[in-house]
Amino acid sequence: MLTKNDLNQIKDLINPLSIDIGNVQKDLTDVKKRVRKIEGTVDVMIDHFDRVIIRTQKRVDRIGEHINL
């Protein structure tokens, strides 16, 4: 059976852990926000490069048709 002193010592050990968990949760929230922002940036970049590649491919096709390839 645990005594009151034992329980108090356990509480003293758990207190810093709960504070650390709170800090980790805050950090995780910040990381999630940054990841969402990066994902949005990557999506914009991919869309841009896809458009550039499609335009370049159309140009190459027209040039090929023009010189009868």
N, C-alpha and C. Protein backbone atom coordinates (compact mmCIF):
# COMPACT_ATOMS: atom_id res chain seq x y z
N MET A 1 0.85 -1.18 0.00
CA MET A 1 0.00 0.00 0.00
C MET A 1 0.89 1.25 0.00
N LEU A 2 0.50 2.22 -0.77
CA LEU A 2 1.27 3.45 -0.86
C LEU A 2 0.86 4.42 0.25
N THR A 3 1.84 5.05 0.81
CA THR A 3 1.55 6.04 1.85
C THR A 3 1.33 7.41 1.21
N LYS A 4 0.88 8.35 2.01
CA LYS A 4 0.67 9.71 1.50
C LYS A 4 1.98 10.31 1.02
N ASN A 5 3.05 9.99 1.72
CA ASN A 5 4.36 10.49 1.34
C ASN A 5 4.77 9.93 -0.04
N ASP A 6 4.49 8.64 -0.25
CA ASP A 6 4.78 8.02 -1.55
C ASP A 6 4.00 8.71 -2.66
N LEU A 7 2.72 8.94 -2.41
CA LEU A 7 1.87 9.59 -3.40
C LEU A 7 2.35 11.01 -3.71
N ASN A 8 2.76 11.75 -2.69
CA ASN A 8 3.28 13.10 -2.89
C ASN A 8 4.55 13.08 -3.72
N GLN A 9 5.41 12.10 -3.47
CA GLN A 9 6.63 12.00 -4.25
C GLN A 9 6.32 11.69 -5.72
N ILE A 10 5.34 10.83 -5.93
CA ILE A 10 4.92 10.51 -7.31
C ILE A 10 4.37 11.75 -7.99
N LYS A 11 3.56 12.53 -7.28
CA LYS A 11 3.01 13.77 -7.85
C LYS A 11 4.13 14.74 -8.21
N ASP A 12 5.15 14.82 -7.30
CA ASP A 12 6.28 15.70 -7.59
C ASP A 12 7.02 15.26 -8.86
N LEU A 13 7.06 13.96 -9.12
CA LEU A 13 7.73 13.46 -10.32
C LEU A 13 6.88 13.68 -11.57
N ILE A 14 5.57 13.62 -11.42
CA ILE A 14 4.67 13.76 -12.57
C ILE A 14 4.51 15.22 -12.99
N ASN A 15 4.56 16.14 -12.06
CA ASN A 15 4.37 17.56 -12.38
C ASN A 15 5.29 18.06 -13.49
N PRO A 16 6.59 17.88 -13.42
CA PRO A 16 7.45 18.35 -14.51
C PRO A 16 7.15 17.67 -15.84
N LEU A 17 6.74 16.41 -15.77
CA LEU A 17 6.40 15.70 -17.00
C LEU A 17 5.19 16.31 -17.68
N SER A 18 4.21 16.71 -16.90
CA SER A 18 3.01 17.31 -17.50
C SER A 18 3.35 18.66 -18.13
N ILE A 19 4.27 19.40 -17.51
CA ILE A 19 4.70 20.67 -18.08
C ILE A 19 5.44 20.42 -19.40
N ASP A 20 6.31 19.39 -19.42
CA ASP A 20 7.04 19.04 -20.64
C ASP A 20 6.07 18.63 -21.75
N ILE A 21 5.05 17.88 -21.39
CA ILE A 21 4.06 17.45 -22.39
C ILE A 21 3.35 18.67 -22.97
N GLY A 22 3.02 19.63 -22.14
CA GLY A 22 2.39 20.86 -22.62
C GLY A 22 3.29 21.59 -23.60
N ASN A 23 4.58 21.66 -23.30
CA ASN A 23 5.52 22.32 -24.21
C ASN A 23 5.63 21.57 -25.53
N VAL A 24 5.64 20.25 -25.46
CA VAL A 24 5.72 19.43 -26.68
C VAL A 24 4.47 19.64 -27.52
N GLN A 25 3.32 19.74 -26.90
CA GLN A 25 2.08 19.96 -27.64
C GLN A 25 2.10 21.30 -28.36
N LYS A 26 2.62 22.34 -27.70
CA LYS A 26 2.73 23.65 -28.33
C LYS A 26 3.67 23.59 -29.52
N ASP A 27 4.81 22.93 -29.33
CA ASP A 27 5.78 22.80 -30.41
C ASP A 27 5.18 22.01 -31.58
N LEU A 28 4.44 20.98 -31.28
CA LEU A 28 3.82 20.17 -32.32
C LEU A 28 2.80 20.99 -33.11
N THR A 29 2.06 21.83 -32.43
CA THR A 29 1.10 22.70 -33.11
C THR A 29 1.82 23.63 -34.07
N ASP A 30 2.94 24.21 -33.64
CA ASP A 30 3.73 25.08 -34.51
C ASP A 30 4.26 24.31 -35.71
N VAL A 31 4.73 23.11 -35.48
CA VAL A 31 5.27 22.29 -36.58
C VAL A 31 4.18 21.97 -37.58
N LYS A 32 3.00 21.64 -37.09
CA LYS A 32 1.88 21.33 -38.00
C LYS A 32 1.54 22.53 -38.87
N LYS A 33 1.53 23.74 -38.28
CA LYS A 33 1.24 24.94 -39.05
C LYS A 33 2.28 25.15 -40.14
N ARG A 34 3.55 24.95 -39.77
CA ARG A 34 4.63 25.14 -40.75
C ARG A 34 4.54 24.12 -41.86
N VAL A 35 4.21 22.89 -41.53
CA VAL A 35 4.09 21.84 -42.55
C VAL A 35 2.97 22.18 -43.51
N ARG A 36 1.83 22.65 -43.00
CA ARG A 36 0.72 23.04 -43.88
C ARG A 36 1.15 24.16 -44.82
N LYS A 37 1.90 25.12 -44.30
CA LYS A 37 2.37 26.23 -45.13
C LYS A 37 3.33 25.73 -46.21
N ILE A 38 4.23 24.83 -45.83
CA ILE A 38 5.17 24.26 -46.80
C ILE A 38 4.43 23.46 -47.85
N GLU A 39 3.43 22.69 -47.45
CA GLU A 39 2.65 21.91 -48.41
C GLU A 39 1.99 22.82 -49.42
N GLY A 40 1.45 23.95 -48.95
CA GLY A 40 0.83 24.91 -49.87
C GLY A 40 1.84 25.47 -50.85
N THR A 41 3.02 25.80 -50.37
CA THR A 41 4.07 26.33 -51.23
C THR A 41 4.49 25.30 -52.27
N VAL A 42 4.63 24.06 -51.85
CA VAL A 42 5.01 22.99 -52.77
C VAL A 42 3.93 22.80 -53.84
N ASP A 43 2.67 22.85 -53.44
CA ASP A 43 1.58 22.72 -54.41
C ASP A 43 1.64 23.82 -55.46
N VAL A 44 1.90 25.05 -55.03
CA VAL A 44 2.00 26.17 -55.97
C VAL A 44 3.17 25.96 -56.92
N MET A 45 4.30 25.51 -56.39
CA MET A 45 5.48 25.28 -57.23
C MET A 45 5.21 24.18 -58.25
N ILE A 46 4.58 23.11 -57.82
CA ILE A 46 4.28 22.00 -58.73
C ILE A 46 3.35 22.46 -59.83
N ASP A 47 2.31 23.21 -59.49
CA ASP A 47 1.39 23.73 -60.51
C ASP A 47 2.14 24.59 -61.52
N HIS A 48 3.02 25.46 -61.02
CA HIS A 48 3.78 26.34 -61.91
C HIS A 48 4.65 25.52 -62.86
N PHE A 49 5.41 24.59 -62.32
CA PHE A 49 6.30 23.81 -63.17
C PHE A 49 5.53 22.91 -64.13
N ASP A 50 4.38 22.41 -63.72
CA ASP A 50 3.55 21.63 -64.64
C ASP A 50 3.12 22.47 -65.83
N ARG A 51 2.70 23.71 -65.56
CA ARG A 51 2.30 24.60 -66.66
C ARG A 51 3.48 24.89 -67.58
N VAL A 52 4.65 25.12 -67.00
CA VAL A 52 5.84 25.41 -67.81
C VAL A 52 6.19 24.20 -68.67
N ILE A 53 6.13 23.02 -68.12
CA ILE A 53 6.46 21.80 -68.87
C ILE A 53 5.46 21.59 -69.99
N ILE A 54 4.18 21.82 -69.72
CA ILE A 54 3.15 21.63 -70.76
C ILE A 54 3.37 22.63 -71.89
N ARG A 55 3.66 23.90 -71.56
CA ARG A 55 3.93 24.90 -72.60
C ARG A 55 5.14 24.51 -73.43
N THR A 56 6.17 24.04 -72.75
CA THR A 56 7.39 23.65 -73.47
C THR A 56 7.11 22.46 -74.38
N GLN A 57 6.36 21.50 -73.89
CA GLN A 57 6.03 20.33 -74.72
C GLN A 57 5.21 20.73 -75.94
N LYS A 58 4.26 21.64 -75.77
CA LYS A 58 3.46 22.10 -76.92
C LYS A 58 4.35 22.79 -77.94
N ARG A 59 5.29 23.59 -77.43
CA ARG A 59 6.22 24.29 -78.32
C ARG A 59 7.08 23.32 -79.11
N VAL A 60 7.59 22.32 -78.43
CA VAL A 60 8.42 21.30 -79.09
C VAL A 60 7.59 20.57 -80.14
N ASP A 61 6.35 20.24 -79.82
CA ASP A 61 5.47 19.57 -80.78
C ASP A 61 5.24 20.44 -82.02
N ARG A 62 4.99 21.74 -81.82
CA ARG A 62 4.78 22.64 -82.97
C ARG A 62 6.03 22.76 -83.82
N ILE A 63 7.18 22.85 -83.16
CA ILE A 63 8.44 22.93 -83.90
C ILE A 63 8.65 21.65 -84.70
N GLY A 64 8.37 20.50 -84.07
CA GLY A 64 8.50 19.23 -84.77
C GLY A 64 7.60 19.15 -85.98
N GLU A 65 6.36 19.63 -85.86
CA GLU A 65 5.43 19.64 -86.99
C GLU A 65 5.92 20.58 -88.08
N HIS A 66 6.46 21.68 -87.66
CA HIS A 66 6.93 22.67 -88.63
C HIS A 66 8.09 22.15 -89.47
N ILE A 67 8.98 21.39 -88.85
CA ILE A 67 10.11 20.88 -89.63
C ILE A 67 9.88 19.44 -90.09
N ASN A 68 8.62 19.00 -89.97
CA ASN A 68 8.18 17.67 -90.45
C ASN A 68 8.97 16.53 -89.83
N LEU A 69 8.98 16.50 -88.53
CA LEU A 69 9.62 15.37 -87.83
C LEU A 69 8.62 14.32 -87.48
